Amino acid sequence: MLTNLNQATVRQWHRIAAHSAHHPRLLELGFLPLENVRVLQRSWFKTGALVVQVGDAVFGLRPDEAVQIEVHPHHEALAEPIAA
C-alpha cells in the first residue's frame, strides 16, 4: 500500500518508493529511493512539522515536503521489484 510520508504511521519503518522524492533538496538530505525512513513525531498542529529519521540522521520536514515522499510499509517494500 503506497502512501506519502505525511500520512505514514509514527514509529514504523517505511521504505521510500522507487519513483519517489525527485526534489533536489530532499535527495541531498538522503531521501533516496528504497531508503528506510520513519516518522518519529508529528506536530500537534495539522500544518506543523514532522520529525523523521533516515538512516542515522534525524530531520524536521514541513508537511509540503513530506507529502512529496511516497513510501511503502517496510514489509511490503521488500517485495517491490527494482526497475532497471
PDB file of N, CA and C in Angstrom:
ATOM      1  N   MET A   1       0.841  -1.180   0.000  1.00  0.00           N
ATOM      2  CA  MET A   1       0.000   0.000   0.000  1.00  0.00           C
ATOM      3  C   MET A   1       0.886   1.243   0.000  1.00  0.00           C
ATOM      4  N   LEU A   2       0.791   2.017  -1.030  1.00  0.00           N
ATOM      5  CA  LEU A   2       1.604   3.213  -1.198  1.00  0.00           C
ATOM      6  C   LEU A   2       0.922   4.400  -0.520  1.00  0.00           C
ATOM      7  N   THR A   3       1.679   5.157   0.242  1.00  0.00           N
ATOM      8  CA  THR A   3       1.173   6.357   0.902  1.00  0.00           C
ATOM      9  C   THR A   3       2.278   7.399   0.871  1.00  0.00           C
ATOM     10  N   ASN A   4       2.009   8.607   1.353  1.00  0.00           N
ATOM     11  CA  ASN A   4       3.096   9.585   1.426  1.00  0.00           C
ATOM     12  C   ASN A   4       3.565   9.687   2.865  1.00  0.00           C
ATOM     13  N   LEU A   5       4.739  10.219   3.049  1.00  0.00           N
ATOM     14  CA  LEU A   5       5.361  10.274   4.365  1.00  0.00           C
ATOM     15  C   LEU A   5       4.537  11.094   5.352  1.00  0.00           C
ATOM     16  N   ASN A   6       3.790  12.059   4.855  1.00  0.00           N
ATOM     17  CA  ASN A   6       2.949  12.880   5.715  1.00  0.00           C
ATOM     18  C   ASN A   6       1.832  12.059   6.360  1.00  0.00           C
ATOM     19  N   GLN A   7       1.453  10.938   5.751  1.00  0.00           N
ATOM     20  CA  GLN A   7       0.393  10.074   6.272  1.00  0.00           C
ATOM     21  C   GLN A   7       0.928   8.788   6.891  1.00  0.00           C
ATOM     22  N   ALA A   8       2.229   8.608   6.913  1.00  0.00           N
ATOM     23  CA  ALA A   8       2.836   7.367   7.396  1.00  0.00           C
ATOM     24  C   ALA A   8       2.620   7.186   8.894  1.00  0.00           C
ATOM     25  N   THR A   9       2.574   5.937   9.306  1.00  0.00           N
ATOM     26  CA  THR A   9       2.406   5.583  10.708  1.00  0.00           C
ATOM     27  C   THR A   9       3.646   5.990  11.498  1.00  0.00           C
ATOM     28  N   VAL A  10       3.432   6.620  12.645  1.00  0.00           N
ATOM     29  CA  VAL A  10       4.532   7.060  13.510  1.00  0.00           C
ATOM     30  C   VAL A  10       5.229   5.846  14.116  1.00  0.00           C
ATOM     31  N   ARG A  11       6.547   5.921  14.177  1.00  0.00           N
ATOM     32  CA  ARG A  11       7.433   4.917  14.768  1.00  0.00           C
ATOM     33  C   ARG A  11       7.490   3.593  14.021  1.00  0.00           C
ATOM     34  N   GLN A  12       6.943   3.532  12.828  1.00  0.00           N
ATOM     35  CA  GLN A  12       7.026   2.337  11.994  1.00  0.00           C
ATOM     36  C   GLN A  12       7.962   2.628  10.828  1.00  0.00           C
ATOM     37  N   TRP A  13       8.839   1.680  10.537  1.00  0.00           N
ATOM     38  CA  TRP A  13       9.751   1.857   9.412  1.00  0.00           C
ATOM     39  C   TRP A  13       9.005   1.726   8.097  1.00  0.00           C
ATOM     40  N   HIS A  14       9.373   2.553   7.155  1.00  0.00           N
ATOM     41  CA  HIS A  14       8.824   2.534   5.802  1.00  0.00           C
ATOM     42  C   HIS A  14       9.998   2.544   4.834  1.00  0.00           C
ATOM     43  N   ARG A  15       9.716   2.220   3.591  1.00  0.00           N
ATOM     44  CA  ARG A  15      10.740   2.295   2.557  1.00  0.00           C
ATOM     45  C   ARG A  15      10.260   3.266   1.495  1.00  0.00           C
ATOM     46  N   ILE A  16      11.125   4.182   1.103  1.00  0.00           N
ATOM     47  CA  ILE A  16      10.785   5.175   0.088  1.00  0.00           C
ATOM     48  C   ILE A  16      10.583   4.458  -1.245  1.00  0.00           C
ATOM     49  N   ALA A  17       9.499   4.792  -1.931  1.00  0.00           N
ATOM     50  CA  ALA A  17       9.174   4.173  -3.214  1.00  0.00           C
ATOM     51  C   ALA A  17      10.269   4.456  -4.239  1.00  0.00           C
ATOM     52  N   ALA A  18      10.412   3.551  -5.179  1.00  0.00           N
ATOM     53  CA  ALA A  18      11.474   3.659  -6.188  1.00  0.00           C
ATOM     54  C   ALA A  18      11.355   4.916  -7.037  1.00  0.00           C
ATOM     55  N   HIS A  19      10.161   5.428  -7.222  1.00  0.00           N
ATOM     56  CA  HIS A  19       9.942   6.598  -8.084  1.00  0.00           C
ATOM     57  C   HIS A  19       9.710   7.880  -7.283  1.00  0.00           C
ATOM     58  N   SER A  20       9.982   7.867  -6.009  1.00  0.00           N
ATOM     59  CA  SER A  20       9.640   8.985  -5.128  1.00  0.00           C
ATOM     60  C   SER A  20      10.805   9.959  -4.929  1.00  0.00           C
ATOM     61  N   ALA A  21      10.467  11.092  -4.333  1.00  0.00           N
ATOM     62  CA  ALA A  21      11.449  12.086  -3.877  1.00  0.00           C
ATOM     63  C   ALA A  21      12.337  12.608  -5.005  1.00  0.00           C
ATOM     64  N   HIS A  22      11.761  13.363  -5.905  1.00  0.00           N
ATOM     65  CA  HIS A  22      12.533  13.943  -7.004  1.00  0.00           C
ATOM     66  C   HIS A  22      13.038  15.337  -6.696  1.00  0.00           C
ATOM     67  N   HIS A  23      12.616  15.906  -5.590  1.00  0.00           N
ATOM     68  CA  HIS A  23      13.031  17.267  -5.226  1.00  0.00           C
ATOM     69  C   HIS A  23      14.514  17.248  -4.839  1.00  0.00           C
ATOM     70  N   PRO A  24      15.332  18.104  -5.431  1.00  0.00           N
ATOM     71  CA  PRO A  24      16.781  18.087  -5.175  1.00  0.00           C
ATOM     72  C   PRO A  24      17.145  18.209  -3.693  1.00  0.00           C
ATOM     73  N   ARG A  25      16.456  19.063  -2.950  1.00  0.00           N
ATOM     74  CA  ARG A  25      16.777  19.231  -1.532  1.00  0.00           C
ATOM     75  C   ARG A  25      16.539  17.934  -0.759  1.00  0.00           C
ATOM     76  N   LEU A  26      15.441  17.257  -1.052  1.00  0.00           N
ATOM     77  CA  LEU A  26      15.143  16.007  -0.360  1.00  0.00           C
ATOM     78  C   LEU A  26      16.155  14.927  -0.716  1.00  0.00           C
ATOM     79  N   LEU A  27      16.560  14.875  -1.969  1.00  0.00           N
ATOM     80  CA  LEU A  27      17.585  13.907  -2.375  1.00  0.00           C
ATOM     81  C   LEU A  27      18.908  14.177  -1.671  1.00  0.00           C
ATOM     82  N   GLU A  28      19.283  15.446  -1.540  1.00  0.00           N
ATOM     83  CA  GLU A  28      20.530  15.815  -0.859  1.00  0.00           C
ATOM     84  C   GLU A  28      20.497  15.428   0.614  1.00  0.00           C
ATOM     85  N   LEU A  29      19.317  15.479   1.220  1.00  0.00           N
ATOM     86  CA  LEU A  29      19.186  15.125   2.634  1.00  0.00           C
ATOM     87  C   LEU A  29      19.207  13.614   2.864  1.00  0.00           C
ATOM     88  N   GLY A  30      19.074  12.817   1.803  1.00  0.00           N
ATOM     89  CA  GLY A  30      19.131  11.370   1.946  1.00  0.00           C
ATOM     90  C   GLY A  30      17.819  10.651   1.710  1.00  0.00           C
ATOM     91  N   PHE A  31      16.791  11.365   1.250  1.00  0.00           N
ATOM     92  CA  PHE A  31      15.507  10.736   0.960  1.00  0.00           C
ATOM     93  C   PHE A  31      15.563  10.109  -0.431  1.00  0.00           C
ATOM     94  N   LEU A  32      16.364   9.075  -0.531  1.00  0.00           N
ATOM     95  CA  LEU A  32      16.639   8.409  -1.795  1.00  0.00           C
ATOM     96  C   LEU A  32      15.683   7.231  -1.994  1.00  0.00           C
ATOM     97  N   PRO A  33      15.405   6.869  -3.240  1.00  0.00           N
ATOM     98  CA  PRO A  33      14.557   5.707  -3.495  1.00  0.00           C
ATOM     99  C   PRO A  33      15.070   4.459  -2.780  1.00  0.00           C
ATOM    100  N   LEU A  34      14.150   3.714  -2.176  1.00  0.00           N
ATOM    101  CA  LEU A  34      14.386   2.460  -1.458  1.00  0.00           C
ATOM    102  C   LEU A  34      15.108   2.639  -0.125  1.00  0.00           C
ATOM    103  N   GLU A  35      15.305   3.861   0.322  1.00  0.00           N
ATOM    104  CA  GLU A  35      15.918   4.132   1.625  1.00  0.00           C
ATOM    105  C   GLU A  35      14.878   3.906   2.731  1.00  0.00           C
ATOM    106  N   ASN A  36      15.319   3.435   3.881  1.00  0.00           N
ATOM    107  CA  ASN A  36      14.439   3.250   5.028  1.00  0.00           C
ATOM    108  C   ASN A  36      14.215   4.589   5.723  1.00  0.00           C
ATOM    109  N   VAL A  37      12.982   4.832   6.143  1.00  0.00           N
ATOM    110  CA  VAL A  37      12.624   6.097   6.780  1.00  0.00           C
ATOM    111  C   VAL A  37      11.493   5.839   7.776  1.00  0.00           C
ATOM    112  N   ARG A  38      11.446   6.633   8.844  1.00  0.00           N
ATOM    113  CA  ARG A  38      10.310   6.553   9.760  1.00  0.00           C
ATOM    114  C   ARG A  38      10.012   7.918  10.350  1.00  0.00           C
ATOM    115  N   VAL A  39       8.739   8.131  10.640  1.00  0.00           N
ATOM    116  CA  VAL A  39       8.293   9.360  11.299  1.00  0.00           C
ATOM    117  C   VAL A  39       8.448   9.129  12.796  1.00  0.00           C
ATOM    118  N   LEU A  40       9.237   9.958  13.450  1.00  0.00           N
ATOM    119  CA  LEU A  40       9.433   9.823  14.886  1.00  0.00           C
ATOM    120  C   LEU A  40       8.363  10.561  15.679  1.00  0.00           C
ATOM    121  N   GLN A  41       7.947  11.705  15.160  1.00  0.00           N
ATOM    122  CA  GLN A  41       6.977  12.528  15.884  1.00  0.00           C
ATOM    123  C   GLN A  41       6.299  13.489  14.926  1.00  0.00           C
ATOM    124  N   ARG A  42       5.047  13.794  15.217  1.00  0.00           N
ATOM    125  CA  ARG A  42       4.286  14.776  14.451  1.00  0.00           C
ATOM    126  C   ARG A  42       3.987  15.965  15.350  1.00  0.00           C
ATOM    127  N   SER A  43       3.881  17.113  14.746  1.00  0.00           N
ATOM    128  CA  SER A  43       3.464  18.306  15.468  1.00  0.00           C
ATOM    129  C   SER A  43       2.003  18.147  15.867  1.00  0.00           C
ATOM    130  N   TRP A  44       1.616  18.803  16.916  1.00  0.00           N
ATOM    131  CA  TRP A  44       0.219  18.771  17.359  1.00  0.00           C
ATOM    132  C   TRP A  44      -0.668  19.543  16.391  1.00  0.00           C
ATOM    133  N   PHE A  45      -0.057  20.460  15.643  1.00  0.00           N
ATOM    134  CA  PHE A  45      -0.798  21.267  14.672  1.00  0.00           C
ATOM    135  C   PHE A  45      -0.843  20.536  13.333  1.00  0.00           C
ATOM    136  N   LYS A  46      -1.972  20.600  12.646  1.00  0.00           N
ATOM    137  CA  LYS A  46      -2.095  19.915  11.356  1.00  0.00           C
ATOM    138  C   LYS A  46      -1.082  20.405  10.339  1.00  0.00           C
ATOM    139  N   THR A  47      -0.724  21.667  10.398  1.00  0.00           N
ATOM    140  CA  THR A  47       0.230  22.228   9.436  1.00  0.00           C
ATOM    141  C   THR A  47       1.656  22.271   9.988  1.00  0.00           C
ATOM    142  N   GLY A  48       1.893  21.567  11.086  1.00  0.00           N
ATOM    143  CA  GLY A  48       3.211  21.571  11.716  1.00  0.00           C
ATOM    144  C   GLY A  48       4.165  20.560  11.104  1.00  0.00           C
ATOM    145  N   ALA A  49       5.393  20.618  11.559  1.00  0.00           N
ATOM    146  CA  ALA A  49       6.474  19.782  11.026  1.00  0.00           C
ATOM    147  C   ALA A  49       6.404  18.348  11.531  1.00  0.00           C
ATOM    148  N   LEU A  50       7.105  17.481  10.836  1.00  0.00           N
ATOM    149  CA  LEU A  50       7.289  16.096  11.230  1.00  0.00           C
ATOM    150  C   LEU A  50       8.762  15.903  11.545  1.00  0.00           C
ATOM    151  N   VAL A  51       9.051  15.092  12.541  1.00  0.00           N
ATOM    152  CA  VAL A  51      10.426  14.708  12.837  1.00  0.00           C
ATOM    153  C   VAL A  51      10.594  13.315  12.248  1.00  0.00           C
ATOM    154  N   VAL A  52      11.535  13.178  11.308  1.00  0.00           N
ATOM    155  CA  VAL A  52      11.727  11.914  10.604  1.00  0.00           C
ATOM    156  C   VAL A  52      13.173  11.449  10.698  1.00  0.00           C
ATOM    157  N   GLN A  53      13.364  10.143  10.605  1.00  0.00           N
ATOM    158  CA  GLN A  53      14.689   9.544  10.634  1.00  0.00           C
ATOM    159  C   GLN A  53      14.951   8.844   9.322  1.00  0.00           C
ATOM    160  N   VAL A  54      16.088   9.142   8.720  1.00  0.00           N
ATOM    161  CA  VAL A  54      16.574   8.463   7.515  1.00  0.00           C
ATOM    162  C   VAL A  54      17.958   7.956   7.863  1.00  0.00           C
ATOM    163  N   GLY A  55      18.123   6.651   7.917  1.00  0.00           N
ATOM    164  CA  GLY A  55      19.402   6.093   8.358  1.00  0.00           C
ATOM    165  C   GLY A  55      19.657   6.530   9.796  1.00  0.00           C
ATOM    166  N   ASP A  56      20.805   7.146  10.040  1.00  0.00           N
ATOM    167  CA  ASP A  56      21.148   7.639  11.375  1.00  0.00           C
ATOM    168  C   ASP A  56      20.832   9.114  11.559  1.00  0.00           C
ATOM    169  N   ALA A  57      20.372   9.775  10.511  1.00  0.00           N
ATOM    170  CA  ALA A  57      20.105  11.221  10.553  1.00  0.00           C
ATOM    171  C   ALA A  57      18.640  11.489  10.911  1.00  0.00           C
ATOM    172  N   VAL A  58      18.418  12.580  11.652  1.00  0.00           N
ATOM    173  CA  VAL A  58      17.082  12.998  12.052  1.00  0.00           C
ATOM    174  C   VAL A  58      16.838  14.398  11.502  1.00  0.00           C
ATOM    175  N   PHE A  59      15.658  14.598  10.879  1.00  0.00           N
ATOM    176  CA  PHE A  59      15.318  15.868  10.237  1.00  0.00           C
ATOM    177  C   PHE A  59      13.929  16.321  10.645  1.00  0.00           C
ATOM    178  N   GLY A  60      13.713  17.614  10.538  1.00  0.00           N
ATOM    179  CA  GLY A  60      12.374  18.174  10.627  1.00  0.00           C
ATOM    180  C   GLY A  60      11.920  18.496   9.213  1.00  0.00           C
ATOM    181  N   LEU A  61      10.769  17.968   8.820  1.00  0.00           N
ATOM    182  CA  LEU A  61      10.233  18.219   7.480  1.00  0.00           C
ATOM    183  C   LEU A  61       8.912  18.961   7.577  1.00  0.00           C
ATOM    184  N   ARG A  62       8.728  19.915   6.695  1.00  0.00           N
ATOM    185  CA  ARG A  62       7.427  20.580   6.580  1.00  0.00           C
ATOM    186  C   ARG A  62       6.470  19.608   5.895  1.00  0.00           C
ATOM    187  N   PRO A  63       5.168  19.734   6.175  1.00  0.00           N
ATOM    188  CA  PRO A  63       4.203  18.837   5.537  1.00  0.00           C
ATOM    189  C   PRO A  63       4.248  18.873   4.014  1.00  0.00           C
ATOM    190  N   ASP A  64       4.519  20.041   3.422  1.00  0.00           N
ATOM    191  CA  ASP A  64       4.579  20.121   1.955  1.00  0.00           C
ATOM    192  C   ASP A  64       5.783  19.360   1.394  1.00  0.00           C
ATOM    193  N   GLU A  65       6.814  19.161   2.194  1.00  0.00           N
ATOM    194  CA  GLU A  65       7.949  18.340   1.776  1.00  0.00           C
ATOM    195  C   GLU A  65       7.625  16.855   1.969  1.00  0.00           C
ATOM    196  N   ALA A  66       7.036  16.535   3.108  1.00  0.00           N
ATOM    197  CA  ALA A  66       6.734  15.142   3.436  1.00  0.00           C
ATOM    198  C   ALA A  66       5.743  14.529   2.454  1.00  0.00           C
ATOM    199  N   VAL A  67       4.825  15.322   1.955  1.00  0.00           N
ATOM    200  CA  VAL A  67       3.818  14.805   1.029  1.00  0.00           C
ATOM    201  C   VAL A  67       4.439  14.422  -0.322  1.00  0.00           C
ATOM    202  N   GLN A  68       5.627  14.905  -0.620  1.00  0.00           N
ATOM    203  CA  GLN A  68       6.320  14.591  -1.877  1.00  0.00           C
ATOM    204  C   GLN A  68       7.023  13.232  -1.837  1.00  0.00           C
ATOM    205  N   ILE A  69       7.127  12.633  -0.644  1.00  0.00           N
ATOM    206  CA  ILE A  69       7.866  11.391  -0.483  1.00  0.00           C
ATOM    207  C   ILE A  69       6.877  10.242  -0.331  1.00  0.00           C
ATOM    208  N   GLU A  70       6.800   9.379  -1.329  1.00  0.00           N
ATOM    209  CA  GLU A  70       5.911   8.230  -1.276  1.00  0.00           C
ATOM    210  C   GLU A  70       6.644   7.058  -0.639  1.00  0.00           C
ATOM    211  N   VAL A  71       5.944   6.345   0.245  1.00  0.00           N
ATOM    212  CA  VAL A  71       6.550   5.242   0.985  1.00  0.00           C
ATOM    213  C   VAL A  71       5.639   4.024   0.995  1.00  0.00           C
ATOM    214  N   HIS A  72       6.258   2.876   1.251  1.00  0.00           N
ATOM    215  CA  HIS A  72       5.574   1.609   1.487  1.00  0.00           C
ATOM    216  C   HIS A  72       5.868   1.217   2.932  1.00  0.00           C
ATOM    217  N   PRO A  73       4.939   0.528   3.621  1.00  0.00           N
ATOM    218  CA  PRO A  73       5.333  -0.088   4.888  1.00  0.00           C
ATOM    219  C   PRO A  73       6.522  -1.005   4.603  1.00  0.00           C
ATOM    220  N   HIS A  74       7.455  -1.081   5.507  1.00  0.00           N
ATOM    221  CA  HIS A  74       8.722  -1.775   5.258  1.00  0.00           C
ATOM    222  C   HIS A  74       8.524  -3.212   4.788  1.00  0.00           C
ATOM    223  N   HIS A  75       7.602  -3.965   5.371  1.00  0.00           N
ATOM    224  CA  HIS A  75       7.421  -5.366   4.989  1.00  0.00           C
ATOM    225  C   HIS A  75       6.883  -5.501   3.561  1.00  0.00           C
ATOM    226  N   GLU A  76       6.102  -4.532   3.075  1.00  0.00           N
ATOM    227  CA  GLU A  76       5.606  -4.565   1.698  1.00  0.00           C
ATOM    228  C   GLU A  76       6.697  -4.126   0.716  1.00  0.00           C
ATOM    229  N   ALA A  77       7.552  -3.248   1.148  1.00  0.00           N
ATOM    230  CA  ALA A  77       8.573  -2.697   0.251  1.00  0.00           C
ATOM    231  C   ALA A  77       9.602  -3.755  -0.131  1.00  0.00           C
ATOM    232  N   LEU A  78       9.792  -4.752   0.708  1.00  0.00           N
ATOM    233  CA  LEU A  78      10.788  -5.766   0.405  1.00  0.00           C
ATOM    234  C   LEU A  78      10.425  -6.572  -0.829  1.00  0.00           C
ATOM    235  N   ALA A  79       9.145  -6.656  -1.133  1.00  0.00           N
ATOM    236  CA  ALA A  79       8.704  -7.424  -2.303  1.00  0.00           C
ATOM    237  C   ALA A  79       8.638  -6.575  -3.567  1.00  0.00           C
ATOM    238  N   GLU A  80       8.903  -5.282  -3.459  1.00  0.00           N
ATOM    239  CA  GLU A  80       8.797  -4.384  -4.618  1.00  0.00           C
ATOM    240  C   GLU A  80       9.910  -4.660  -5.615  1.00  0.00           C
ATOM    241  N   PRO A  81       9.582  -4.903  -6.880  1.00  0.00           N
ATOM    242  CA  PRO A  81      10.636  -5.142  -7.874  1.00  0.00           C
ATOM    243  C   PRO A  81      11.402  -3.858  -8.167  1.00  0.00           C
ATOM    244  N   ILE A  82      12.655  -3.987  -8.438  1.00  0.00           N
ATOM    245  CA  ILE A  82      13.508  -2.830  -8.758  1.00  0.00           C
ATOM    246  C   ILE A  82      13.568  -2.689 -10.270  1.00  0.00           C
ATOM    247  N   ALA A  83      13.164  -1.526 -10.754  1.00  0.00           N
ATOM    248  CA  ALA A  83      13.180  -1.271 -12.198  1.00  0.00           C
ATOM    249  C   ALA A  83      14.607  -1.027 -12.673  1.00  0.00           C
ATOM    250  N   ALA A  84      14.924  -1.533 -13.831  1.00  0.00           N
ATOM    251  CA  ALA A  84      16.277  -1.376 -14.379  1.00  0.00           C
ATOM    252  C   ALA A  84      16.442  -0.049 -15.040  1.00  0.00           C
TER     253      ALA A  84
END
